[in-house]
Amino acid sequence: MTGLAFGFMMQTVLLAAGPQSYEEAYKQAEVNGQPILVLVGADWCPGCRTMKSAVMPKLQTGGKLKTVNFAQVDTDESANLAAHLMRGNSIPQLIVYAKTDKGWHREQITGATSEEAVEQLLKRASDAQAAAKIAKEGESKAKEPAAAAGGQ
């Protein structure tokens, strides 16, 4: 119970503090099982600045990011990591990774976008994760031995 309370407290502190580094978000996702949301961009990019200073803070203030581990990666400061995460060269890229039993489900939005589009992206990631969990539970139930009818 203490560990659960500590984990919740740490997540609350991290969310209040804003975006994490990618490494912190990945570690947190391993612990809490929540998707990773990564904003990849640069300070010189107008669309990136819009996402970083307007769209994402509104989502965070509205509680829409509490179900994900949110990170930001600067393409200039972390070029290798950004290249590994991105598909294509356009920025900003908002990428969500949801862990499933088949690996990481990945989706992205390229370019500055609306709060609603980000919410839809997060919902799709959450749905993919939930579907994988339901499928896994169904498989394990199918493997359970059936109880003998009538005690015979």
N, C-alpha and C. Protein backbone atom coordinates (compact mmCIF):
# COMPACT_ATOMS: atom_id res chain seq x y z
N MET A 1 0.82 -1.19 0.00
CA MET A 1 0.00 0.00 0.00
C MET A 1 0.87 1.26 0.00
N THR A 2 1.93 1.22 0.78
CA THR A 2 2.82 2.37 0.84
C THR A 2 3.45 2.64 -0.52
N GLY A 3 3.85 1.58 -1.22
CA GLY A 3 4.43 1.73 -2.55
C GLY A 3 3.45 2.34 -3.52
N LEU A 4 2.19 1.93 -3.44
CA LEU A 4 1.16 2.47 -4.32
C LEU A 4 0.96 3.96 -4.04
N ALA A 5 0.90 4.31 -2.77
CA ALA A 5 0.73 5.72 -2.39
C ALA A 5 1.92 6.55 -2.86
N PHE A 6 3.13 5.99 -2.70
CA PHE A 6 4.33 6.69 -3.14
C PHE A 6 4.31 6.89 -4.66
N GLY A 7 3.94 5.84 -5.39
CA GLY A 7 3.86 5.93 -6.84
C GLY A 7 2.87 6.98 -7.30
N PHE A 8 1.71 7.03 -6.63
CA PHE A 8 0.70 8.03 -6.97
C PHE A 8 1.23 9.42 -6.68
N MET A 9 1.89 9.58 -5.51
CA MET A 9 2.43 10.88 -5.13
C MET A 9 3.48 11.33 -6.16
N MET A 10 4.36 10.43 -6.56
CA MET A 10 5.40 10.78 -7.53
C MET A 10 4.78 11.18 -8.86
N GLN A 11 3.75 10.45 -9.30
CA GLN A 11 3.11 10.79 -10.55
C GLN A 11 2.47 12.17 -10.47
N THR A 12 1.82 12.46 -9.35
CA THR A 12 1.20 13.76 -9.15
C THR A 12 2.25 14.87 -9.18
N VAL A 13 3.37 14.65 -8.52
CA VAL A 13 4.45 15.63 -8.51
C VAL A 13 4.98 15.84 -9.91
N LEU A 14 5.20 14.76 -10.65
CA LEU A 14 5.73 14.87 -12.01
C LEU A 14 4.77 15.60 -12.93
N LEU A 15 3.46 15.33 -12.79
CA LEU A 15 2.49 16.00 -13.64
C LEU A 15 2.41 17.49 -13.31
N ALA A 16 2.50 17.80 -12.04
CA ALA A 16 2.43 19.20 -11.65
C ALA A 16 3.65 19.97 -12.16
N ALA A 17 4.76 19.27 -12.28
CA ALA A 17 5.99 19.92 -12.71
C ALA A 17 6.07 20.11 -14.22
N GLY A 18 5.16 19.52 -14.98
CA GLY A 18 5.18 19.65 -16.42
C GLY A 18 5.79 18.43 -17.09
N PRO A 19 6.20 18.59 -18.34
CA PRO A 19 6.73 17.44 -19.07
C PRO A 19 8.02 16.90 -18.46
N GLN A 20 8.21 15.61 -18.65
CA GLN A 20 9.41 14.92 -18.17
C GLN A 20 10.38 14.77 -19.32
N SER A 21 11.57 14.27 -18.99
CA SER A 21 12.47 13.84 -20.06
C SER A 21 11.89 12.54 -20.61
N TYR A 22 12.31 12.17 -21.80
CA TYR A 22 11.83 10.92 -22.39
C TYR A 22 12.22 9.74 -21.50
N GLU A 23 13.42 9.75 -20.98
CA GLU A 23 13.90 8.65 -20.15
C GLU A 23 13.04 8.50 -18.90
N GLU A 24 12.67 9.62 -18.27
CA GLU A 24 11.81 9.58 -17.08
C GLU A 24 10.42 9.06 -17.45
N ALA A 25 9.88 9.54 -18.55
CA ALA A 25 8.55 9.10 -18.98
C ALA A 25 8.53 7.61 -19.29
N TYR A 26 9.58 7.12 -19.93
CA TYR A 26 9.67 5.70 -20.26
C TYR A 26 9.72 4.86 -18.98
N LYS A 27 10.56 5.26 -18.03
CA LYS A 27 10.66 4.53 -16.76
C LYS A 27 9.33 4.55 -16.02
N GLN A 28 8.67 5.70 -16.03
CA GLN A 28 7.37 5.83 -15.36
C GLN A 28 6.33 4.94 -16.04
N ALA A 29 6.38 4.84 -17.35
CA ALA A 29 5.44 3.98 -18.09
C ALA A 29 5.64 2.52 -17.74
N GLU A 30 6.88 2.13 -17.52
CA GLU A 30 7.17 0.75 -17.12
C GLU A 30 6.55 0.45 -15.76
N VAL A 31 6.50 1.45 -14.88
CA VAL A 31 5.96 1.27 -13.54
C VAL A 31 4.43 1.34 -13.53
N ASN A 32 3.87 2.38 -14.17
CA ASN A 32 2.43 2.59 -14.05
C ASN A 32 1.62 2.05 -15.23
N GLY A 33 2.27 1.59 -16.29
CA GLY A 33 1.56 1.01 -17.43
C GLY A 33 0.83 2.00 -18.30
N GLN A 34 0.97 3.30 -18.03
CA GLN A 34 0.28 4.30 -18.83
C GLN A 34 1.06 4.58 -20.12
N PRO A 35 0.36 5.03 -21.16
CA PRO A 35 1.04 5.39 -22.41
C PRO A 35 2.05 6.52 -22.22
N ILE A 36 2.97 6.61 -23.18
CA ILE A 36 3.95 7.70 -23.23
C ILE A 36 3.53 8.65 -24.34
N LEU A 37 3.43 9.92 -24.02
CA LEU A 37 3.11 10.95 -25.00
C LEU A 37 4.34 11.83 -25.14
N VAL A 38 4.88 11.92 -26.36
CA VAL A 38 6.12 12.67 -26.58
C VAL A 38 5.88 13.77 -27.61
N LEU A 39 6.22 14.99 -27.22
CA LEU A 39 6.21 16.12 -28.14
C LEU A 39 7.63 16.33 -28.61
N VAL A 40 7.88 16.10 -29.91
CA VAL A 40 9.21 16.29 -30.48
C VAL A 40 9.17 17.59 -31.28
N GLY A 41 10.08 18.49 -30.96
CA GLY A 41 10.09 19.77 -31.65
C GLY A 41 11.37 20.54 -31.38
N ALA A 42 11.32 21.84 -31.68
CA ALA A 42 12.48 22.71 -31.49
C ALA A 42 11.99 24.11 -31.12
N ASP A 43 12.84 24.85 -30.41
CA ASP A 43 12.47 26.19 -29.97
C ASP A 43 12.26 27.17 -31.13
N TRP A 44 12.95 26.95 -32.25
CA TRP A 44 12.85 27.87 -33.37
C TRP A 44 11.62 27.62 -34.25
N CYS A 45 10.90 26.54 -34.00
CA CYS A 45 9.75 26.12 -34.82
C CYS A 45 8.45 26.75 -34.29
N PRO A 46 7.77 27.57 -35.09
CA PRO A 46 6.53 28.22 -34.63
C PRO A 46 5.44 27.22 -34.20
N GLY A 47 5.23 26.17 -34.98
CA GLY A 47 4.23 25.17 -34.61
C GLY A 47 4.57 24.46 -33.32
N CYS A 48 5.86 24.21 -33.12
CA CYS A 48 6.33 23.57 -31.88
C CYS A 48 6.07 24.47 -30.68
N ARG A 49 6.34 25.76 -30.87
CA ARG A 49 6.11 26.72 -29.78
C ARG A 49 4.62 26.78 -29.43
N THR A 50 3.77 26.72 -30.44
CA THR A 50 2.32 26.72 -30.20
C THR A 50 1.91 25.49 -29.38
N MET A 51 2.41 24.35 -29.78
CA MET A 51 2.08 23.11 -29.06
C MET A 51 2.61 23.17 -27.63
N LYS A 52 3.85 23.63 -27.50
CA LYS A 52 4.53 23.65 -26.20
C LYS A 52 3.95 24.69 -25.24
N SER A 53 3.56 25.85 -25.76
CA SER A 53 3.14 26.94 -24.87
C SER A 53 1.63 27.13 -24.79
N ALA A 54 0.86 26.56 -25.71
CA ALA A 54 -0.59 26.78 -25.68
C ALA A 54 -1.38 25.48 -25.58
N VAL A 55 -1.23 24.60 -26.54
CA VAL A 55 -2.07 23.40 -26.60
C VAL A 55 -1.81 22.45 -25.44
N MET A 56 -0.56 22.06 -25.25
CA MET A 56 -0.24 21.07 -24.21
C MET A 56 -0.52 21.60 -22.80
N PRO A 57 -0.18 22.86 -22.48
CA PRO A 57 -0.52 23.36 -21.14
C PRO A 57 -2.03 23.37 -20.86
N LYS A 58 -2.85 23.69 -21.89
CA LYS A 58 -4.30 23.66 -21.69
C LYS A 58 -4.77 22.24 -21.40
N LEU A 59 -4.22 21.27 -22.11
CA LEU A 59 -4.58 19.88 -21.86
C LEU A 59 -4.15 19.45 -20.46
N GLN A 60 -2.97 19.87 -20.07
CA GLN A 60 -2.46 19.51 -18.75
C GLN A 60 -3.31 20.15 -17.65
N THR A 61 -3.62 21.43 -17.79
CA THR A 61 -4.44 22.13 -16.81
C THR A 61 -5.83 21.50 -16.72
N GLY A 62 -6.35 21.06 -17.85
CA GLY A 62 -7.67 20.42 -17.88
C GLY A 62 -7.67 18.98 -17.42
N GLY A 63 -6.51 18.46 -17.03
CA GLY A 63 -6.43 17.08 -16.53
C GLY A 63 -6.40 16.02 -17.62
N LYS A 64 -6.26 16.42 -18.86
CA LYS A 64 -6.30 15.47 -19.98
C LYS A 64 -5.02 14.66 -20.12
N LEU A 65 -3.94 15.09 -19.45
CA LEU A 65 -2.67 14.37 -19.56
C LEU A 65 -2.37 13.50 -18.34
N LYS A 66 -3.34 13.38 -17.43
CA LYS A 66 -3.08 12.61 -16.21
C LYS A 66 -3.03 11.10 -16.46
N THR A 67 -3.48 10.66 -17.63
CA THR A 67 -3.47 9.23 -17.92
C THR A 67 -2.28 8.83 -18.80
N VAL A 68 -1.34 9.77 -19.01
CA VAL A 68 -0.15 9.48 -19.81
C VAL A 68 1.10 9.99 -19.11
N ASN A 69 2.23 9.51 -19.55
CA ASN A 69 3.53 10.00 -19.12
C ASN A 69 4.01 10.94 -20.22
N PHE A 70 3.96 12.23 -19.96
CA PHE A 70 4.22 13.24 -20.99
C PHE A 70 5.68 13.69 -20.97
N ALA A 71 6.29 13.68 -22.15
CA ALA A 71 7.69 14.10 -22.29
C ALA A 71 7.83 15.03 -23.48
N GLN A 72 8.88 15.83 -23.44
CA GLN A 72 9.24 16.67 -24.57
C GLN A 72 10.67 16.36 -24.97
N VAL A 73 10.91 16.30 -26.27
CA VAL A 73 12.24 16.06 -26.80
C VAL A 73 12.56 17.17 -27.78
N ASP A 74 13.67 17.86 -27.56
CA ASP A 74 14.12 18.94 -28.44
C ASP A 74 15.03 18.34 -29.51
N THR A 75 14.71 18.58 -30.76
CA THR A 75 15.48 17.99 -31.87
C THR A 75 16.91 18.52 -31.91
N ASP A 76 17.13 19.73 -31.42
CA ASP A 76 18.48 20.30 -31.43
C ASP A 76 19.32 19.76 -30.27
N GLU A 77 18.72 19.61 -29.11
CA GLU A 77 19.44 19.14 -27.93
C GLU A 77 19.62 17.62 -27.90
N SER A 78 18.65 16.90 -28.46
CA SER A 78 18.68 15.43 -28.43
C SER A 78 18.41 14.88 -29.83
N ALA A 79 19.29 15.21 -30.76
CA ALA A 79 19.09 14.87 -32.17
C ALA A 79 18.96 13.36 -32.40
N ASN A 80 19.79 12.56 -31.74
CA ASN A 80 19.73 11.11 -31.96
C ASN A 80 18.43 10.51 -31.46
N LEU A 81 18.01 10.92 -30.27
CA LEU A 81 16.74 10.42 -29.72
C LEU A 81 15.59 10.87 -30.60
N ALA A 82 15.58 12.13 -30.99
CA ALA A 82 14.51 12.65 -31.85
C ALA A 82 14.44 11.88 -33.16
N ALA A 83 15.58 11.61 -33.76
CA ALA A 83 15.61 10.85 -35.03
C ALA A 83 15.07 9.45 -34.83
N HIS A 84 15.35 8.85 -33.68
CA HIS A 84 14.87 7.50 -33.38
C HIS A 84 13.34 7.49 -33.20
N LEU A 85 12.80 8.53 -32.58
CA LEU A 85 11.37 8.59 -32.29
C LEU A 85 10.52 8.99 -33.49
N MET A 86 11.07 9.89 -34.32
CA MET A 86 10.29 10.50 -35.39
C MET A 86 10.14 9.60 -36.61
N ARG A 87 9.06 9.85 -37.33
CA ARG A 87 8.87 9.30 -38.67
C ARG A 87 8.76 10.50 -39.59
N GLY A 88 9.73 10.64 -40.45
CA GLY A 88 9.81 11.83 -41.29
C GLY A 88 10.59 12.92 -40.58
N ASN A 89 10.75 14.05 -41.25
CA ASN A 89 11.56 15.13 -40.70
C ASN A 89 10.76 16.34 -40.24
N SER A 90 9.46 16.35 -40.47
CA SER A 90 8.64 17.50 -40.10
C SER A 90 8.41 17.54 -38.60
N ILE A 91 8.40 18.78 -38.07
CA ILE A 91 8.09 18.97 -36.66
C ILE A 91 7.05 20.06 -36.54
N PRO A 92 6.29 20.08 -35.48
CA PRO A 92 6.31 19.17 -34.34
C PRO A 92 5.69 17.82 -34.68
N GLN A 93 6.11 16.82 -33.94
CA GLN A 93 5.48 15.51 -33.98
C GLN A 93 5.03 15.19 -32.56
N LEU A 94 3.78 14.84 -32.43
CA LEU A 94 3.24 14.40 -31.16
C LEU A 94 3.02 12.90 -31.30
N ILE A 95 3.78 12.14 -30.53
CA ILE A 95 3.80 10.68 -30.67
C ILE A 95 3.29 10.05 -29.38
N VAL A 96 2.44 9.06 -29.51
CA VAL A 96 1.96 8.33 -28.34
C VAL A 96 2.31 6.86 -28.50
N TYR A 97 2.84 6.29 -27.44
CA TYR A 97 3.18 4.87 -27.38
C TYR A 97 2.34 4.24 -26.27
N ALA A 98 1.60 3.20 -26.60
CA ALA A 98 0.82 2.46 -25.60
C ALA A 98 1.31 1.03 -25.60
N LYS A 99 1.68 0.53 -24.43
CA LYS A 99 2.22 -0.81 -24.33
C LYS A 99 1.10 -1.84 -24.41
N THR A 100 1.28 -2.80 -25.31
CA THR A 100 0.34 -3.90 -25.45
C THR A 100 1.13 -5.20 -25.34
N ASP A 101 0.41 -6.32 -25.34
CA ASP A 101 1.11 -7.61 -25.25
C ASP A 101 1.91 -7.91 -26.52
N LYS A 102 1.64 -7.18 -27.59
CA LYS A 102 2.37 -7.38 -28.85
C LYS A 102 3.49 -6.35 -29.04
N GLY A 103 3.76 -5.57 -28.00
CA GLY A 103 4.78 -4.53 -28.10
C GLY A 103 4.17 -3.16 -27.90
N TRP A 104 4.78 -2.16 -28.48
CA TRP A 104 4.31 -0.78 -28.32
C TRP A 104 3.45 -0.38 -29.51
N HIS A 105 2.21 0.01 -29.24
CA HIS A 105 1.30 0.59 -30.25
C HIS A 105 1.73 2.04 -30.42
N ARG A 106 1.99 2.48 -31.65
CA ARG A 106 2.50 3.83 -31.90
C ARG A 106 1.58 4.57 -32.86
N GLU A 107 1.28 5.81 -32.50
CA GLU A 107 0.55 6.71 -33.39
C GLU A 107 1.16 8.09 -33.26
N GLN A 108 0.95 8.93 -34.27
CA GLN A 108 1.49 10.28 -34.19
C GLN A 108 0.63 11.26 -34.95
N ILE A 109 0.80 12.53 -34.57
CA ILE A 109 0.24 13.66 -35.30
C ILE A 109 1.44 14.52 -35.68
N THR A 110 1.51 14.90 -36.94
CA THR A 110 2.59 15.77 -37.39
C THR A 110 2.02 17.15 -37.66
N GLY A 111 2.69 18.17 -37.13
CA GLY A 111 2.25 19.55 -37.27
C GLY A 111 1.49 20.01 -36.05
N ALA A 112 1.37 21.32 -35.91
CA ALA A 112 0.61 21.88 -34.80
C ALA A 112 -0.84 21.45 -34.96
N THR A 113 -1.49 21.15 -33.86
CA THR A 113 -2.85 20.63 -33.92
C THR A 113 -3.67 21.14 -32.75
N SER A 114 -4.93 20.78 -32.74
CA SER A 114 -5.86 21.26 -31.71
C SER A 114 -5.87 20.35 -30.48
N GLU A 115 -6.43 20.88 -29.41
CA GLU A 115 -6.59 20.08 -28.20
C GLU A 115 -7.46 18.85 -28.49
N GLU A 116 -8.50 19.04 -29.28
CA GLU A 116 -9.41 17.94 -29.59
C GLU A 116 -8.70 16.82 -30.34
N ALA A 117 -7.83 17.17 -31.27
CA ALA A 117 -7.09 16.15 -32.01
C ALA A 117 -6.16 15.38 -31.09
N VAL A 118 -5.54 16.07 -30.14
CA VAL A 118 -4.66 15.39 -29.18
C VAL A 118 -5.49 14.46 -28.29
N GLU A 119 -6.65 14.93 -27.85
CA GLU A 119 -7.52 14.09 -27.03
C GLU A 119 -7.92 12.82 -27.79
N GLN A 120 -8.23 12.95 -29.08
CA GLN A 120 -8.59 11.78 -29.89
C GLN A 120 -7.40 10.82 -30.02
N LEU A 121 -6.20 11.37 -30.19
CA LEU A 121 -5.00 10.55 -30.26
C LEU A 121 -4.82 9.75 -28.97
N LEU A 122 -5.00 10.41 -27.83
CA LEU A 122 -4.86 9.75 -26.54
C LEU A 122 -5.94 8.68 -26.35
N LYS A 123 -7.14 8.96 -26.82
CA LYS A 123 -8.22 7.97 -26.70
C LYS A 123 -7.92 6.73 -27.53
N ARG A 124 -7.41 6.92 -28.73
CA ARG A 124 -7.06 5.76 -29.57
C ARG A 124 -5.97 4.91 -28.90
N ALA A 125 -5.00 5.57 -28.30
CA ALA A 125 -3.93 4.83 -27.60
C ALA A 125 -4.49 4.07 -26.41
N SER A 126 -5.36 4.73 -25.66
CA SER A 126 -5.98 4.10 -24.50
C SER A 126 -6.85 2.91 -24.93
N ASP A 127 -7.61 3.09 -26.03
CA ASP A 127 -8.45 2.01 -26.54
C ASP A 127 -7.61 0.82 -26.99
N ALA A 128 -6.48 1.08 -27.64
CA ALA A 128 -5.59 0.00 -28.09
C ALA A 128 -5.05 -0.77 -26.90
N GLN A 129 -4.69 -0.04 -25.86
CA GLN A 129 -4.16 -0.67 -24.66
C GLN A 129 -5.24 -1.49 -23.96
N ALA A 130 -6.44 -0.94 -23.87
CA ALA A 130 -7.55 -1.65 -23.22
C ALA A 130 -7.93 -2.90 -24.01
N ALA A 131 -7.96 -2.81 -25.34
CA ALA A 131 -8.28 -3.97 -26.17
C ALA A 131 -7.26 -5.08 -25.99
N ALA A 132 -5.99 -4.70 -25.89
CA ALA A 132 -4.94 -5.70 -25.68
C ALA A 132 -5.10 -6.37 -24.32
N LYS A 133 -5.47 -5.60 -23.32
CA LYS A 133 -5.67 -6.14 -21.97
C LYS A 133 -6.85 -7.11 -21.95
N ILE A 134 -7.95 -6.74 -22.60
CA ILE A 134 -9.13 -7.60 -22.66
C ILE A 134 -8.80 -8.89 -23.40
N ALA A 135 -8.07 -8.78 -24.50
CA ALA A 135 -7.69 -9.97 -25.27
C ALA A 135 -6.82 -10.90 -24.43
N LYS A 136 -5.90 -10.31 -23.69
CA LYS A 136 -5.01 -11.11 -22.84
C LYS A 136 -5.80 -11.81 -21.74
N GLU A 137 -6.75 -11.10 -21.13
CA GLU A 137 -7.59 -11.71 -20.09
C GLU A 137 -8.43 -12.83 -20.67
N GLY A 138 -8.94 -12.64 -21.88
CA GLY A 138 -9.74 -13.66 -22.55
C GLY A 138 -8.92 -14.92 -22.83
N GLU A 139 -7.66 -14.72 -23.23
CA GLU A 139 -6.78 -15.87 -23.49
C GLU A 139 -6.50 -16.64 -22.22
N SER A 140 -6.27 -15.95 -21.12
CA SER A 140 -5.95 -16.64 -19.87
C SER A 140 -7.17 -17.36 -19.32
N LYS A 141 -8.38 -16.80 -19.52
CA LYS A 141 -9.60 -17.48 -19.08
C LYS A 141 -9.85 -18.73 -19.91
N ALA A 142 -9.53 -18.65 -21.20
CA ALA A 142 -9.73 -19.80 -22.08
C ALA A 142 -8.82 -20.95 -21.69
N LYS A 143 -7.66 -20.65 -21.09
CA LYS A 143 -6.70 -21.67 -20.71
C LYS A 143 -7.00 -22.27 -19.34
N GLU A 144 -7.89 -21.63 -18.56
CA GLU A 144 -8.22 -22.16 -17.24
C GLU A 144 -9.03 -23.44 -17.39
N PRO A 145 -8.78 -24.42 -16.54
CA PRO A 145 -9.57 -25.66 -16.62
C PRO A 145 -11.01 -25.38 -16.20
N ALA A 146 -11.93 -26.03 -16.85
CA ALA A 146 -13.34 -25.86 -16.53
C ALA A 146 -13.65 -26.59 -15.23
N ALA A 147 -14.50 -25.99 -14.43
CA ALA A 147 -14.92 -26.63 -13.18
C ALA A 147 -15.82 -27.81 -13.51
N ALA A 148 -15.68 -28.87 -12.74
CA ALA A 148 -16.50 -30.06 -12.98
C ALA A 148 -17.95 -29.74 -12.68
N ALA A 149 -18.82 -30.11 -13.60
CA ALA A 149 -20.25 -29.82 -13.44
C ALA A 149 -20.83 -30.70 -12.35
N GLY A 150 -21.53 -30.07 -11.42
CA GLY A 150 -22.20 -30.82 -10.36
C GLY A 150 -21.26 -31.52 -9.41
N GLY A 151 -19.99 -31.16 -9.39
CA GLY A 151 -19.05 -31.77 -8.46
C GLY A 151 -18.61 -33.16 -8.88
N GLN A 152 -18.92 -33.60 -10.08
CA GLN A 152 -18.57 -34.95 -10.53
C GLN A 152 -17.23 -34.99 -11.19
